[in-house]
Structures are given as C-alpha cells and as structure tokens.
Amino acid sequence: MNETVYGKPLKMFDVTMSARKKVSETTSNLRVAVRVRPINATERGEKCTNIVKVEREKMAISLNKKSFGPFYRVYDSHTTQTEIYDDLVSSQIKKVIAGFNCTVFA
C-alpha cells in the first residue's frame, strides 16, 4: 500500500523486522525517572536542606519517611546532566534512528 502525505509518497525506513523486534523486546512503553534537584543559591543562603532522600536500592525516593516508587531510575542531587543523558537519553537516539517514536521531557 502506497501512502501519501500532502500528495507526496511516504518514505518508510529500511529497518528489518528483526531489528524492530530486538528493540521492542528490550524496552517498555513508558519509563519514569526521578532526579532530586540540587539546592539553589537562594536556598543555600537561607540554610535550607534537602528533604527528599534517594533510595537507590529500592529505586524510590522518600519524603518525611514516606517512600514513593519504584521508578525506572532515581538520581540524587549530585548527578550531572551528562550522567543522566548517558544513562537515559543516548540509548533512545538509536531507537529513533530505527524508526521508533521517542519523547524525553523534564
């Protein structure tokens, strides 16, 4: 079936079914990661402390001794943008190139 968009033929990615199957078998449709943000300058000046604790072994966070999770990943306030990109986003680029839709938002 030849589909068109705005009267132009729709070009399909040349991706084999085995490649699509391999990607889909190793992923789920939705992943939620949580990053506890660092204390900002104003908060440091007011001597504030972080009240959210990261429980890496449980993939959860806790607030006032109440646990929330589990999440796909949890990151503390010392995690860099580069570490999060390497851990979460870079693998999604390969999937986009393989023809899958992907959204990352923060």
Foldseek 3Di string as FASTA:
>chain_A
DFDDDPNHTDDDDPADPVRVVVVVVVDDPDFDEEEAADQDPVCVVVVHDDQWAQDQVQCWIDGPNRIDDNGPHYHYNPDDPVNCCVVPPPVVVVVVSNPDDDDDDD
